[in-house]
Amino acid sequence: MKTLNIVVTENCELCDKGIKKISFLRYFFNIREVNVEDGYQEYLLRVPVVLFKDKVLDEGILGNIKIIKNYISI
């Protein structure tokens, strides 16, 4: 199963909402939460960010449809 990384930071309400929103995608992908401080500093001002192999699928207010569309277009 493919893995999506969601880059988050502590005390981020938008990150918490994004994690809940994309929970549906767990049926199709492994979803791994990574902290922005663990080598993802370039996304500090853009969190939450959903990545697949260093390609940004969505950021900010996340949407399942947009993530799937961007994944298919890779």
N, C-alpha and C. Protein backbone atom coordinates (compact mmCIF):
# COMPACT_ATOMS: atom_id res chain seq x y z
N MET A 1 0.85 -1.18 0.00
CA MET A 1 0.00 0.00 0.00
C MET A 1 0.90 1.24 0.00
N LYS A 2 0.54 2.20 -0.80
CA LYS A 2 1.30 3.46 -0.90
C LYS A 2 1.15 4.28 0.37
N THR A 3 2.15 5.12 0.64
CA THR A 3 2.15 5.94 1.86
C THR A 3 2.06 7.42 1.51
N LEU A 4 1.15 8.11 2.17
CA LEU A 4 1.05 9.57 2.10
C LEU A 4 1.59 10.12 3.41
N ASN A 5 2.41 11.14 3.31
CA ASN A 5 2.90 11.84 4.50
C ASN A 5 2.09 13.12 4.66
N ILE A 6 1.63 13.36 5.87
CA ILE A 6 0.98 14.64 6.16
C ILE A 6 1.88 15.38 7.14
N VAL A 7 2.38 16.52 6.68
CA VAL A 7 3.30 17.33 7.47
C VAL A 7 2.46 18.25 8.35
N VAL A 8 2.69 18.15 9.66
CA VAL A 8 1.92 18.93 10.63
C VAL A 8 2.87 19.59 11.62
N THR A 9 2.31 20.45 12.43
CA THR A 9 3.07 21.08 13.50
C THR A 9 2.21 21.03 14.77
N GLU A 10 2.83 21.24 15.89
CA GLU A 10 2.11 21.19 17.16
C GLU A 10 1.17 22.38 17.30
N ASN A 11 0.08 22.16 18.03
CA ASN A 11 -0.89 23.22 18.33
C ASN A 11 -1.44 23.88 17.08
N CYS A 12 -1.74 23.07 16.07
CA CYS A 12 -2.24 23.58 14.79
C CYS A 12 -3.65 23.06 14.57
N GLU A 13 -4.63 23.92 14.72
CA GLU A 13 -6.03 23.52 14.56
C GLU A 13 -6.31 23.08 13.13
N LEU A 14 -5.74 23.77 12.16
CA LEU A 14 -5.93 23.40 10.76
C LEU A 14 -5.35 22.01 10.47
N CYS A 15 -4.23 21.69 11.12
CA CYS A 15 -3.63 20.36 10.98
C CYS A 15 -4.55 19.29 11.54
N ASP A 16 -5.11 19.54 12.72
CA ASP A 16 -6.02 18.58 13.35
C ASP A 16 -7.25 18.32 12.47
N LYS A 17 -7.80 19.39 11.92
CA LYS A 17 -8.95 19.25 11.04
C LYS A 17 -8.58 18.50 9.76
N GLY A 18 -7.41 18.79 9.23
CA GLY A 18 -6.94 18.12 8.01
C GLY A 18 -6.75 16.63 8.21
N ILE A 19 -6.20 16.25 9.36
CA ILE A 19 -6.00 14.83 9.67
C ILE A 19 -7.34 14.11 9.73
N LYS A 20 -8.31 14.73 10.37
CA LYS A 20 -9.64 14.12 10.45
C LYS A 20 -10.28 14.02 9.08
N LYS A 21 -10.10 15.07 8.26
CA LYS A 21 -10.74 15.12 6.96
C LYS A 21 -10.21 14.04 6.02
N ILE A 22 -8.91 13.77 6.06
CA ILE A 22 -8.35 12.80 5.13
C ILE A 22 -8.34 11.38 5.70
N SER A 23 -8.95 11.18 6.86
CA SER A 23 -8.97 9.85 7.45
C SER A 23 -9.64 8.83 6.52
N PHE A 24 -10.54 9.27 5.66
CA PHE A 24 -11.19 8.41 4.69
C PHE A 24 -10.16 7.76 3.75
N LEU A 25 -9.09 8.46 3.47
CA LEU A 25 -8.08 7.94 2.55
C LEU A 25 -7.30 6.77 3.12
N ARG A 26 -7.47 6.47 4.40
CA ARG A 26 -6.78 5.33 5.02
C ARG A 26 -7.18 4.00 4.38
N TYR A 27 -8.30 3.97 3.67
CA TYR A 27 -8.71 2.77 2.96
C TYR A 27 -7.83 2.51 1.72
N PHE A 28 -7.20 3.57 1.22
CA PHE A 28 -6.42 3.46 -0.02
C PHE A 28 -4.92 3.67 0.19
N PHE A 29 -4.54 4.36 1.26
CA PHE A 29 -3.15 4.70 1.52
C PHE A 29 -2.81 4.49 2.99
N ASN A 30 -1.54 4.26 3.26
CA ASN A 30 -1.04 4.39 4.62
C ASN A 30 -0.81 5.88 4.83
N ILE A 31 -1.31 6.43 5.89
CA ILE A 31 -1.13 7.86 6.16
C ILE A 31 -0.20 7.99 7.36
N ARG A 32 0.90 8.70 7.15
CA ARG A 32 1.89 8.88 8.19
C ARG A 32 2.01 10.37 8.52
N GLU A 33 1.81 10.68 9.79
CA GLU A 33 1.97 12.06 10.24
C GLU A 33 3.44 12.31 10.53
N VAL A 34 3.97 13.40 9.99
CA VAL A 34 5.35 13.78 10.27
C VAL A 34 5.37 15.22 10.75
N ASN A 35 6.23 15.49 11.70
CA ASN A 35 6.35 16.84 12.23
C ASN A 35 7.21 17.68 11.30
N VAL A 36 6.82 18.91 11.15
CA VAL A 36 7.55 19.82 10.26
C VAL A 36 9.01 19.98 10.69
N GLU A 37 9.29 19.77 11.97
CA GLU A 37 10.65 19.92 12.48
C GLU A 37 11.53 18.71 12.18
N ASP A 38 10.96 17.65 11.64
CA ASP A 38 11.71 16.44 11.32
C ASP A 38 12.19 16.42 9.87
N GLY A 39 12.76 17.52 9.42
CA GLY A 39 13.30 17.59 8.07
C GLY A 39 12.37 18.17 7.03
N TYR A 40 11.28 18.75 7.45
CA TYR A 40 10.30 19.32 6.53
C TYR A 40 10.11 20.82 6.76
N GLN A 41 11.17 21.51 7.17
CA GLN A 41 11.08 22.93 7.50
C GLN A 41 10.62 23.79 6.33
N GLU A 42 10.82 23.33 5.11
CA GLU A 42 10.41 24.13 3.96
C GLU A 42 8.89 24.30 3.89
N TYR A 43 8.15 23.46 4.61
CA TYR A 43 6.69 23.53 4.62
C TYR A 43 6.15 24.21 5.87
N LEU A 44 7.00 24.85 6.65
CA LEU A 44 6.61 25.44 7.93
C LEU A 44 5.41 26.38 7.82
N LEU A 45 5.39 27.21 6.81
CA LEU A 45 4.31 28.19 6.68
C LEU A 45 3.16 27.68 5.82
N ARG A 46 3.21 26.40 5.43
CA ARG A 46 2.20 25.84 4.54
C ARG A 46 1.42 24.69 5.16
N VAL A 47 1.69 24.33 6.41
CA VAL A 47 1.07 23.15 7.03
C VAL A 47 -0.43 23.30 7.16
N PRO A 48 -1.18 22.24 7.09
CA PRO A 48 -0.76 20.88 6.80
C PRO A 48 -0.49 20.69 5.31
N VAL A 49 0.44 19.81 5.01
CA VAL A 49 0.81 19.51 3.63
C VAL A 49 0.77 17.99 3.45
N VAL A 50 0.12 17.53 2.39
CA VAL A 50 0.07 16.11 2.08
C VAL A 50 1.07 15.84 0.96
N LEU A 51 2.00 14.93 1.23
CA LEU A 51 3.06 14.61 0.28
C LEU A 51 3.00 13.15 -0.14
N PHE A 52 3.34 12.91 -1.40
CA PHE A 52 3.58 11.56 -1.89
C PHE A 52 4.90 11.61 -2.64
N LYS A 53 5.91 10.95 -2.08
CA LYS A 53 7.25 10.94 -2.68
C LYS A 53 7.73 12.36 -3.00
N ASP A 54 7.66 13.26 -2.05
CA ASP A 54 8.11 14.65 -2.16
C ASP A 54 7.31 15.49 -3.14
N LYS A 55 6.18 15.00 -3.60
CA LYS A 55 5.28 15.78 -4.44
C LYS A 55 4.13 16.26 -3.57
N VAL A 56 3.84 17.55 -3.61
CA VAL A 56 2.74 18.12 -2.81
C VAL A 56 1.42 17.80 -3.50
N LEU A 57 0.56 17.08 -2.79
CA LEU A 57 -0.77 16.76 -3.31
C LEU A 57 -1.81 17.77 -2.88
N ASP A 58 -1.64 18.34 -1.70
CA ASP A 58 -2.56 19.37 -1.21
C ASP A 58 -1.93 20.03 0.00
N GLU A 59 -2.38 21.22 0.30
CA GLU A 59 -1.88 21.95 1.47
C GLU A 59 -2.94 22.91 1.96
N GLY A 60 -2.79 23.32 3.21
CA GLY A 60 -3.76 24.25 3.80
C GLY A 60 -5.05 23.53 4.15
N ILE A 61 -6.15 24.00 3.61
CA ILE A 61 -7.44 23.35 3.83
C ILE A 61 -7.50 22.16 2.88
N LEU A 62 -7.39 20.96 3.45
CA LEU A 62 -7.24 19.75 2.66
C LEU A 62 -8.57 19.25 2.11
N GLY A 63 -8.50 18.60 0.95
CA GLY A 63 -9.68 18.00 0.33
C GLY A 63 -9.34 16.64 -0.25
N ASN A 64 -10.14 15.65 0.06
CA ASN A 64 -9.90 14.29 -0.43
C ASN A 64 -9.88 14.22 -1.95
N ILE A 65 -10.83 14.89 -2.60
CA ILE A 65 -10.92 14.84 -4.06
C ILE A 65 -9.66 15.44 -4.70
N LYS A 66 -9.21 16.56 -4.18
CA LYS A 66 -8.01 17.21 -4.73
C LYS A 66 -6.79 16.31 -4.54
N ILE A 67 -6.68 15.67 -3.40
CA ILE A 67 -5.55 14.78 -3.15
C ILE A 67 -5.56 13.62 -4.14
N ILE A 68 -6.72 13.02 -4.35
CA ILE A 68 -6.81 11.89 -5.28
C ILE A 68 -6.52 12.33 -6.71
N LYS A 69 -7.06 13.47 -7.12
CA LYS A 69 -6.80 13.98 -8.48
C LYS A 69 -5.32 14.23 -8.69
N ASN A 70 -4.67 14.87 -7.72
CA ASN A 70 -3.25 15.16 -7.85
C ASN A 70 -2.41 13.89 -7.81
N TYR A 71 -2.84 12.90 -7.04
CA TYR A 71 -2.13 11.62 -6.99
C TYR A 71 -2.20 10.91 -8.34
N ILE A 72 -3.38 10.93 -8.96
CA ILE A 72 -3.55 10.27 -10.25
C ILE A 72 -2.72 10.95 -11.34
N SER A 73 -2.56 12.27 -11.25
CA SER A 73 -1.82 13.01 -12.28
C SER A 73 -0.30 12.90 -12.16
N ILE A 74 0.18 12.24 -11.11
CA ILE A 74 1.64 12.10 -10.96
C ILE A 74 2.15 11.06 -11.92
